[in-house]
């Protein structure tokens, strides 16, 4: 992961800053979301993969209310 010896990284303040910036850049690249920007609530599906309709929601609400 480190292209040079550890002892030479921290001899120079600028080299240490460049090394730290590379570590932060790597962490951001790994941790950031994939950028699709989709909202899971807008894409809700049932078990079969079909989108949930208002009629499906009403049927589920009625089933819970009848318990």
Protein backbone atom coordinates (compact mmCIF):
# COMPACT_ATOMS: atom_id res chain seq x y z
CA UNK A 1 0.00 0.00 0.00
CA UNK A 2 2.90 2.33 0.68
CA UNK A 3 5.16 2.74 -2.37
CA UNK A 4 8.17 3.75 -0.27
CA UNK A 5 9.75 2.93 3.05
CA UNK A 6 7.82 4.08 6.12
CA UNK A 7 10.83 5.91 7.56
CA UNK A 8 11.12 8.24 4.54
CA UNK A 9 7.46 9.30 4.54
CA UNK A 10 7.60 11.32 7.75
CA UNK A 11 11.01 12.93 7.26
CA UNK A 12 9.38 15.69 5.22
CA UNK A 13 6.27 17.51 6.37
CA UNK A 14 5.08 17.87 2.77
CA UNK A 15 5.57 14.20 2.03
CA UNK A 16 3.57 13.33 5.15
CA UNK A 17 0.75 15.63 3.99
CA UNK A 18 0.73 14.04 0.54
CA UNK A 19 0.67 10.58 2.11
CA UNK A 20 -2.22 11.56 4.43
CA UNK A 21 -4.14 13.08 1.51
CA UNK A 22 -3.74 9.83 -0.40
CA UNK A 23 -5.07 7.81 2.53
CA UNK A 24 -8.08 10.14 2.87
CA UNK A 25 -8.72 10.03 -0.88
CA UNK A 26 -8.62 6.23 -0.81
CA UNK A 27 -11.05 6.15 2.14
CA UNK A 28 -13.49 8.46 0.36
CA UNK A 29 -13.33 6.38 -2.81
CA UNK A 30 -14.09 3.22 -0.86
CA UNK A 31 -16.78 4.63 1.44
CA UNK A 32 -18.76 6.91 -0.87
CA UNK A 33 -22.10 5.73 -2.28
CA UNK A 34 -22.22 4.51 -5.85
CA UNK A 35 -24.01 7.69 -6.96
CA UNK A 36 -27.11 6.15 -8.47
CA UNK A 37 -29.28 8.59 -6.52
CA UNK A 38 -32.31 6.35 -6.38
CA UNK A 39 -34.74 6.49 -3.52
CA UNK A 40 -35.76 3.07 -2.23
CA UNK A 41 -39.17 4.37 -1.11
CA UNK A 42 -39.98 5.40 -4.68
CA UNK A 43 -38.99 1.96 -6.00
CA UNK A 44 -40.79 -0.24 -3.49
CA UNK A 45 -41.65 -3.70 -4.86
CA UNK A 46 -43.43 -6.76 -3.56
CA UNK A 47 -42.06 -10.30 -3.32
CA UNK A 48 -42.58 -10.93 -7.03
CA UNK A 49 -40.69 -7.77 -7.99
CA UNK A 50 -43.76 -5.86 -9.16
CA UNK A 51 -44.15 -2.24 -8.03
CA UNK A 52 -46.47 -1.74 -5.07
CA UNK A 53 -49.64 0.11 -6.06
CA UNK A 54 -52.08 2.15 -4.00
CA UNK A 55 -54.54 -0.77 -4.17
CA UNK A 56 -51.90 -3.07 -2.64
CA UNK A 57 -51.33 -0.59 0.17
CA UNK A 58 -55.07 -0.32 0.83
CA UNK A 59 -55.47 -4.11 0.89
CA UNK A 60 -52.62 -4.43 3.40
CA UNK A 61 -54.02 -1.63 5.56
CA UNK A 62 -57.48 -3.24 5.55
CA UNK A 63 -55.98 -6.62 6.46
CA UNK A 64 -54.16 -5.13 9.45
CA UNK A 65 -57.24 -3.20 10.56
CA UNK A 66 -59.38 -6.34 10.49
CA UNK A 67 -57.14 -8.13 13.01
